[in-house]
Amino acid sequence: MGTLKNKRIVDPVLTNYARGYTNAQLISATLFPIVPVQKEGGIIPVFDKEAFKIYATERALRANSNEMSPEGITTVSLKTEEHDIAYPIDYRETKEAAWDLQKYGTRTVKDIVDLGREKEAADLAQNLATYPTGNKTTLVSTGQWSDSVNSKPIDDIKTGMEAIRAKIGRYPNVLVLGAASYNALTESEQILNRIKYSQKGIITKDIIKAILAVPDNTPLEIVIGLPVYSTDSGTFTDIWADNVILAYSSALPGGSRTPYDPSFGYTFRRSGNPFIDRYMKSGNKIEYIRNTDNYQVKVVGADAGYLIKDTVA
């Protein structure tokens, strides 16, 4: 046991450094906020629509109380998976480097695992199969936002907002746009025509927020998906493509974070993760800095999301 302990050491300093470091471009936690769980598998309660039913609640004098006949608590299953990657540091590199190789390795392995989680979340959120009928649309021809004259992006977004409200009783509080979608939105004639007499003709996120303001004053967070990933051949591709996702997230301003409230999704993370450990292999002179995370990205309320697909031709 003593030998194993010497070879594999959980490093609290590097772990704290890793947990404090965040790649600002990664946005998946906006749609899938991170929630700690105590076990790798199990079931959790989620929002159902029992409270939206109309019951007879009036009680006559001395009559019995009205009683509900609930159908039971809705649950979903979860199963987190472990992800890890290690960065090698030769003892000679440690002696020659002019910077902290352990911290550099820590940031590298954390970025790799986090980027993989971002890609997993983006693939899930941009998949038409994730959404129920009525909560998705694919734009074609002159309806695509790249046709700045004929397209109606504000109408498209408001249709999505109303679709969510109709199913969960609340407006979405997050709007995620791929970089291509956002760039097309900033050229929209529909928006420019609304602001040309009061603004400088430059479309910003604040202007979009003002146009999309809703009666209940739900704050709308607009997030632009900028991260890219590289294939083995060196080709770079947007993780968030020319798509738009509207969602209600209970972890954002205006939301209440309990499993009984509607929320599009969560990232369930095993408690104690992520963590950094260091180890060496028998017979070599290389120290490995390893990042371990254990999570599942999961949609728990598809009714609380809406997908606008293919905004750019």
Protein backbone atom coordinates (compact mmCIF):
# COMPACT_ATOMS: atom_id res chain seq x y z
CA MET A 1 0.00 0.00 0.00
CA GLY A 2 2.87 2.35 0.82
CA THR A 3 4.40 1.86 -2.64
CA LEU A 4 1.09 2.57 -4.38
CA LYS A 5 0.60 5.72 -2.32
CA ASN A 6 4.03 6.99 -3.33
CA LYS A 7 3.33 6.41 -7.01
CA ARG A 8 -0.09 8.03 -7.16
CA ILE A 9 -0.60 11.23 -5.18
CA VAL A 10 -3.73 13.38 -5.21
CA ASP A 11 -2.35 16.90 -5.24
CA PRO A 12 -4.58 19.32 -3.27
CA VAL A 13 -2.65 22.38 -4.48
CA LEU A 14 -2.99 21.50 -8.17
CA THR A 15 -6.58 20.34 -7.60
CA ASN A 16 -7.52 23.72 -6.10
CA TYR A 17 -5.71 25.44 -8.94
CA ALA A 18 -7.64 23.36 -11.49
CA ARG A 19 -10.99 24.03 -9.84
CA GLY A 20 -10.28 27.74 -9.76
CA TYR A 21 -9.27 27.88 -13.40
CA THR A 22 -12.01 28.21 -16.01
CA ASN A 23 -11.78 28.61 -19.76
CA ALA A 24 -14.03 31.64 -20.26
CA GLN A 25 -15.02 30.60 -23.77
CA LEU A 26 -16.73 27.40 -22.64
CA ILE A 27 -20.48 27.95 -22.21
CA SER A 28 -22.07 24.52 -21.73
CA ALA A 29 -22.67 25.13 -18.01
CA THR A 30 -25.14 27.86 -19.00
CA LEU A 31 -27.47 25.27 -20.53
CA PHE A 32 -26.33 22.38 -18.33
CA PRO A 33 -25.42 23.84 -14.91
CA ILE A 34 -23.20 21.63 -12.79
CA VAL A 35 -24.90 19.85 -9.90
CA PRO A 36 -22.95 17.60 -7.49
CA VAL A 37 -24.26 14.08 -6.87
CA GLN A 38 -23.14 11.63 -4.23
CA LYS A 39 -23.19 8.49 -6.38
CA GLU A 40 -22.36 7.62 -9.98
CA GLY A 41 -25.86 6.27 -10.63
CA GLY A 42 -29.40 6.61 -9.41
CA ILE A 43 -32.67 8.42 -10.07
CA ILE A 44 -33.66 12.01 -9.39
CA PRO A 45 -37.05 13.77 -9.24
CA VAL A 46 -37.77 16.28 -12.00
CA PHE A 47 -40.41 18.87 -12.83
CA ASP A 48 -43.83 17.54 -13.74
CA LYS A 49 -47.06 19.34 -14.64
CA GLU A 50 -49.26 18.34 -11.71
CA ALA A 51 -49.49 21.94 -10.46
CA PHE A 52 -50.92 23.10 -13.80
CA LYS A 53 -54.08 20.99 -13.50
CA ILE A 54 -57.35 22.69 -12.58
CA TYR A 55 -58.96 21.03 -9.56
CA ALA A 56 -62.25 21.69 -7.82
CA THR A 57 -61.00 23.42 -4.67
CA GLU A 58 -64.13 25.11 -3.29
CA ARG A 59 -65.31 23.48 -0.03
CA ALA A 60 -68.82 23.79 1.35
CA LEU A 61 -69.41 24.36 5.05
CA ARG A 62 -68.53 21.20 7.03
CA ALA A 63 -67.81 19.27 3.85
CA ASN A 64 -64.80 17.04 3.43
CA SER A 65 -61.62 18.57 2.02
CA ASN A 66 -60.91 18.20 -1.66
CA GLU A 67 -58.23 15.64 -2.35
CA MET A 68 -55.80 15.27 -5.21
CA SER A 69 -55.06 12.03 -7.03
CA PRO A 70 -51.43 12.62 -8.02
CA GLU A 71 -49.88 10.35 -10.61
CA GLY A 72 -46.58 10.16 -8.72
CA ILE A 73 -43.28 12.00 -8.88
CA THR A 74 -41.59 12.04 -12.28
CA THR A 75 -37.99 10.78 -12.20
CA VAL A 76 -35.07 10.35 -14.57
CA SER A 77 -32.10 8.05 -14.23
CA LEU A 78 -28.51 9.23 -14.18
CA LYS A 79 -25.19 7.48 -14.66
CA THR A 80 -22.01 9.49 -14.54
CA GLU A 81 -18.86 8.38 -16.37
CA GLU A 82 -15.21 8.96 -15.52
CA HIS A 83 -12.98 10.96 -17.88
CA ASP A 84 -9.24 11.43 -17.44
CA ILE A 85 -6.11 12.50 -19.30
CA ALA A 86 -2.47 12.78 -18.17
CA TYR A 87 0.32 15.20 -19.16
CA PRO A 88 3.91 13.82 -19.09
CA ILE A 89 6.80 15.85 -17.65
CA ASP A 90 10.36 14.52 -17.93
CA TYR A 91 12.56 15.38 -14.96
CA ARG A 92 14.98 17.11 -17.37
CA GLU A 93 12.19 19.39 -18.60
CA THR A 94 11.48 20.38 -15.00
CA LYS A 95 15.09 21.44 -14.52
CA GLU A 96 15.24 23.47 -17.75
CA ALA A 97 11.79 25.09 -17.92
CA ALA A 98 11.42 28.78 -17.21
CA TRP A 99 7.79 28.33 -16.14
CA ASP A 100 5.79 26.10 -13.80
CA LEU A 101 5.36 22.91 -15.82
CA GLN A 102 3.03 21.36 -13.26
CA LYS A 103 0.58 24.25 -13.50
CA TYR A 104 0.93 24.29 -17.28
CA GLY A 105 0.18 20.56 -17.39
CA THR A 106 -2.76 21.05 -15.04
CA ARG A 107 -4.32 23.70 -17.25
CA THR A 108 -3.75 21.56 -20.34
CA VAL A 109 -5.41 18.42 -18.99
CA LYS A 110 -8.28 20.42 -17.51
CA ASP A 111 -8.87 22.20 -20.84
CA ILE A 112 -8.92 18.86 -22.68
CA VAL A 113 -11.53 17.24 -20.41
CA ASP A 114 -13.61 20.42 -20.25
CA LEU A 115 -13.53 20.83 -24.04
CA GLY A 116 -14.76 17.25 -24.41
CA ARG A 117 -17.65 18.01 -22.04
CA GLU A 118 -18.42 21.17 -24.03
CA LYS A 119 -18.57 19.16 -27.26
CA GLU A 120 -20.79 16.53 -25.65
CA ALA A 121 -23.20 19.20 -24.37
CA ALA A 122 -23.23 21.06 -27.69
CA ASP A 123 -23.97 17.89 -29.66
CA LEU A 124 -26.88 17.11 -27.34
CA ALA A 125 -28.30 20.65 -27.39
CA GLN A 126 -28.01 20.94 -31.20
CA ASN A 127 -29.64 17.58 -31.97
CA LEU A 128 -33.21 17.83 -33.29
CA ALA A 129 -33.99 14.47 -31.66
CA THR A 130 -33.46 16.06 -28.23
CA TYR A 131 -36.58 18.21 -28.58
CA PRO A 132 -40.28 17.31 -28.69
CA THR A 133 -42.58 18.26 -31.55
CA GLY A 134 -43.30 21.98 -31.48
CA ASN A 135 -40.00 22.84 -29.82
CA LYS A 136 -37.77 22.86 -32.89
CA THR A 137 -37.53 24.28 -36.37
CA THR A 138 -35.10 24.11 -39.28
CA LEU A 139 -34.70 27.25 -41.37
CA VAL A 140 -34.44 27.05 -45.16
CA SER A 141 -33.92 29.38 -48.11
CA THR A 142 -34.90 33.03 -47.49
CA GLY A 143 -35.91 32.15 -43.93
CA GLN A 144 -32.26 31.64 -42.99
CA TRP A 145 -30.74 34.58 -41.15
CA SER A 146 -27.93 34.88 -43.68
CA ASP A 147 -30.62 36.40 -45.92
CA SER A 148 -30.54 39.64 -43.93
CA VAL A 149 -33.33 41.25 -45.95
CA ASN A 150 -36.04 38.58 -46.00
CA SER A 151 -35.45 36.56 -42.84
CA LYS A 152 -37.31 37.30 -39.60
CA PRO A 153 -34.98 36.24 -36.75
CA ILE A 154 -36.89 38.09 -34.04
CA ASP A 155 -40.08 36.30 -35.09
CA ASP A 156 -38.21 32.97 -35.06
CA ILE A 157 -36.89 33.57 -31.55
CA LYS A 158 -40.21 34.81 -30.16
CA THR A 159 -41.95 31.75 -31.60
CA GLY A 160 -39.51 29.62 -29.60
CA MET A 161 -40.03 31.67 -26.46
CA GLU A 162 -43.80 31.21 -26.67
CA ALA A 163 -43.43 27.49 -27.37
CA ILE A 164 -41.50 27.08 -24.11
CA ARG A 165 -43.92 29.23 -22.10
CA ALA A 166 -46.86 27.23 -23.43
CA LYS A 167 -45.36 24.00 -22.03
CA ILE A 168 -43.73 25.04 -18.73
CA GLY A 169 -45.51 28.28 -17.86
CA ARG A 170 -42.29 30.33 -17.95
CA TYR A 171 -40.29 32.16 -20.57
CA PRO A 172 -36.75 30.97 -21.34
CA ASN A 173 -33.95 32.81 -19.54
CA VAL A 174 -31.03 31.86 -21.78
CA LEU A 175 -30.41 32.31 -25.51
CA VAL A 176 -27.38 30.49 -26.90
CA LEU A 177 -26.20 31.43 -30.39
CA GLY A 178 -23.42 29.91 -32.43
CA ALA A 179 -20.93 32.52 -33.59
CA ALA A 180 -22.22 32.30 -37.19
CA SER A 181 -25.80 32.77 -35.99
CA TYR A 182 -24.90 35.78 -33.87
CA ASN A 183 -22.99 37.41 -36.74
CA ALA A 184 -25.99 36.92 -39.03
CA LEU A 185 -28.31 38.34 -36.38
CA THR A 186 -26.26 41.54 -36.15
CA GLU A 187 -26.90 42.17 -39.87
CA SER A 188 -30.66 41.57 -39.74
CA GLU A 189 -32.79 44.19 -41.47
CA GLN A 190 -35.68 43.27 -39.19
CA ILE A 191 -33.69 44.47 -36.18
CA LEU A 192 -32.00 47.39 -37.90
CA ASN A 193 -35.38 48.75 -38.99
CA ARG A 194 -36.54 48.77 -35.37
CA ILE A 195 -33.59 50.76 -34.08
CA LYS A 196 -32.61 53.00 -36.99
CA TYR A 197 -34.31 56.08 -35.52
CA SER A 198 -33.08 55.61 -31.95
CA GLN A 199 -29.71 53.86 -32.16
CA LYS A 200 -26.47 54.09 -34.14
CA GLY A 201 -27.38 51.14 -36.35
CA ILE A 202 -25.07 48.75 -34.51
CA ILE A 203 -26.80 45.70 -33.09
CA THR A 204 -25.53 44.59 -29.67
CA LYS A 205 -26.58 41.96 -27.16
CA ASP A 206 -28.25 44.65 -25.04
CA ILE A 207 -30.37 45.77 -28.01
CA ILE A 208 -31.39 42.18 -28.72
CA LYS A 209 -32.33 41.75 -25.05
CA ALA A 210 -34.49 44.88 -25.17
CA ILE A 211 -36.30 43.72 -28.30
CA LEU A 212 -36.94 40.29 -26.79
CA ALA A 213 -38.16 41.62 -23.41
CA VAL A 214 -41.14 39.66 -22.09
CA PRO A 215 -44.10 40.71 -19.91
CA ASP A 216 -42.88 38.97 -16.74
CA ASN A 217 -39.45 40.65 -16.99
CA THR A 218 -37.60 37.33 -17.06
CA PRO A 219 -33.94 38.31 -17.48
CA LEU A 220 -32.60 36.84 -20.73
CA GLU A 221 -28.93 35.89 -20.76
CA ILE A 222 -27.47 35.89 -24.28
CA VAL A 223 -24.44 33.64 -24.70
CA ILE A 224 -22.29 33.27 -27.82
CA GLY A 225 -20.70 29.90 -28.53
CA LEU A 226 -17.11 30.64 -29.56
CA PRO A 227 -15.14 27.43 -28.78
CA VAL A 228 -13.64 25.39 -31.62
CA TYR A 229 -12.08 21.95 -31.72
CA SER A 230 -9.41 20.47 -33.93
CA THR A 231 -9.43 17.16 -35.76
CA ASP A 232 -6.28 15.01 -35.93
CA SER A 233 -5.58 16.57 -39.34
CA GLY A 234 -5.57 20.07 -37.82
CA THR A 235 -8.94 21.22 -39.18
CA PHE A 236 -10.74 23.58 -36.80
CA THR A 237 -14.53 23.43 -36.47
CA ASP A 238 -17.05 25.37 -34.38
CA ILE A 239 -18.41 23.36 -31.47
CA TRP A 240 -21.55 25.51 -31.55
CA ALA A 241 -22.62 25.60 -35.19
CA ASP A 242 -25.09 27.95 -36.93
CA ASN A 243 -27.83 27.05 -34.47
CA VAL A 244 -29.78 28.80 -31.71
CA ILE A 245 -30.96 27.27 -28.45
CA LEU A 246 -33.54 28.84 -26.18
CA ALA A 247 -33.91 27.30 -22.75
CA TYR A 248 -35.11 27.81 -19.22
CA SER A 249 -32.31 27.03 -16.77
CA SER A 250 -33.16 26.97 -13.08
CA ALA A 251 -29.57 27.93 -12.17
CA LEU A 252 -29.67 31.28 -13.97
CA PRO A 253 -31.08 34.60 -12.70
CA GLY A 254 -34.83 34.31 -12.45
CA GLY A 255 -34.68 30.57 -11.77
CA SER A 256 -35.02 28.59 -8.56
CA ARG A 257 -32.59 25.71 -8.32
CA THR A 258 -34.53 22.67 -7.17
CA PRO A 259 -35.23 19.45 -9.09
CA TYR A 260 -38.96 20.17 -8.89
CA ASP A 261 -38.67 23.29 -11.06
CA PRO A 262 -38.55 23.15 -14.86
CA SER A 263 -35.03 23.17 -16.28
CA PHE A 264 -33.67 22.11 -19.65
CA GLY A 265 -30.69 20.16 -18.39
CA TYR A 266 -27.90 19.61 -15.89
CA THR A 267 -24.34 18.36 -15.75
CA PHE A 268 -24.39 15.85 -12.90
CA ARG A 269 -20.90 15.66 -11.40
CA ARG A 270 -19.74 13.08 -8.88
CA SER A 271 -18.79 14.79 -5.63
CA GLY A 272 -15.06 15.31 -5.20
CA ASN A 273 -14.46 15.86 -8.90
CA PRO A 274 -12.53 17.13 -10.72
CA PHE A 275 -9.20 16.37 -9.04
CA ILE A 276 -5.54 16.37 -10.05
CA ASP A 277 -3.12 13.61 -9.10
CA ARG A 278 0.50 12.88 -9.96
CA TYR A 279 2.06 9.50 -10.66
CA MET A 280 5.16 7.88 -12.12
CA LYS A 281 5.54 4.60 -13.97
CA SER A 282 8.00 2.01 -12.76
CA GLY A 283 11.41 2.31 -14.37
CA ASN A 284 11.05 5.72 -16.05
CA LYS A 285 11.82 9.34 -15.16
CA ILE A 286 8.54 10.93 -16.22
CA GLU A 287 5.98 12.42 -13.86
CA TYR A 288 2.37 12.46 -15.08
CA ILE A 289 -0.08 15.21 -14.14
CA ARG A 290 -3.56 13.72 -14.46
CA ASN A 291 -6.98 15.34 -14.43
CA THR A 292 -9.98 13.18 -13.52
CA ASP A 293 -13.62 14.20 -13.81
CA ASN A 294 -16.78 12.16 -13.44
CA TYR A 295 -20.02 13.51 -14.89
CA GLN A 296 -23.07 13.10 -17.11
CA VAL A 297 -24.53 15.84 -19.31
CA LYS A 298 -28.27 15.21 -19.38
CA VAL A 299 -31.46 16.83 -20.65
CA VAL A 300 -34.06 16.53 -17.90
CA GLY A 301 -36.77 18.78 -19.35
CA ALA A 302 -36.86 18.90 -23.14
CA ASP A 303 -40.07 20.99 -22.98
CA ALA A 304 -37.94 23.78 -21.47
CA GLY A 305 -35.80 24.05 -24.61
CA TYR A 306 -36.26 25.13 -28.23
CA LEU A 307 -33.87 24.63 -31.15
CA ILE A 308 -33.58 26.83 -34.26
CA LYS A 309 -31.46 24.83 -36.70
CA ASP A 310 -29.42 25.97 -39.72
CA THR A 311 -29.67 29.74 -39.42
CA VAL A 312 -26.96 30.31 -42.05
CA ALA A 313 -27.01 29.05 -45.65
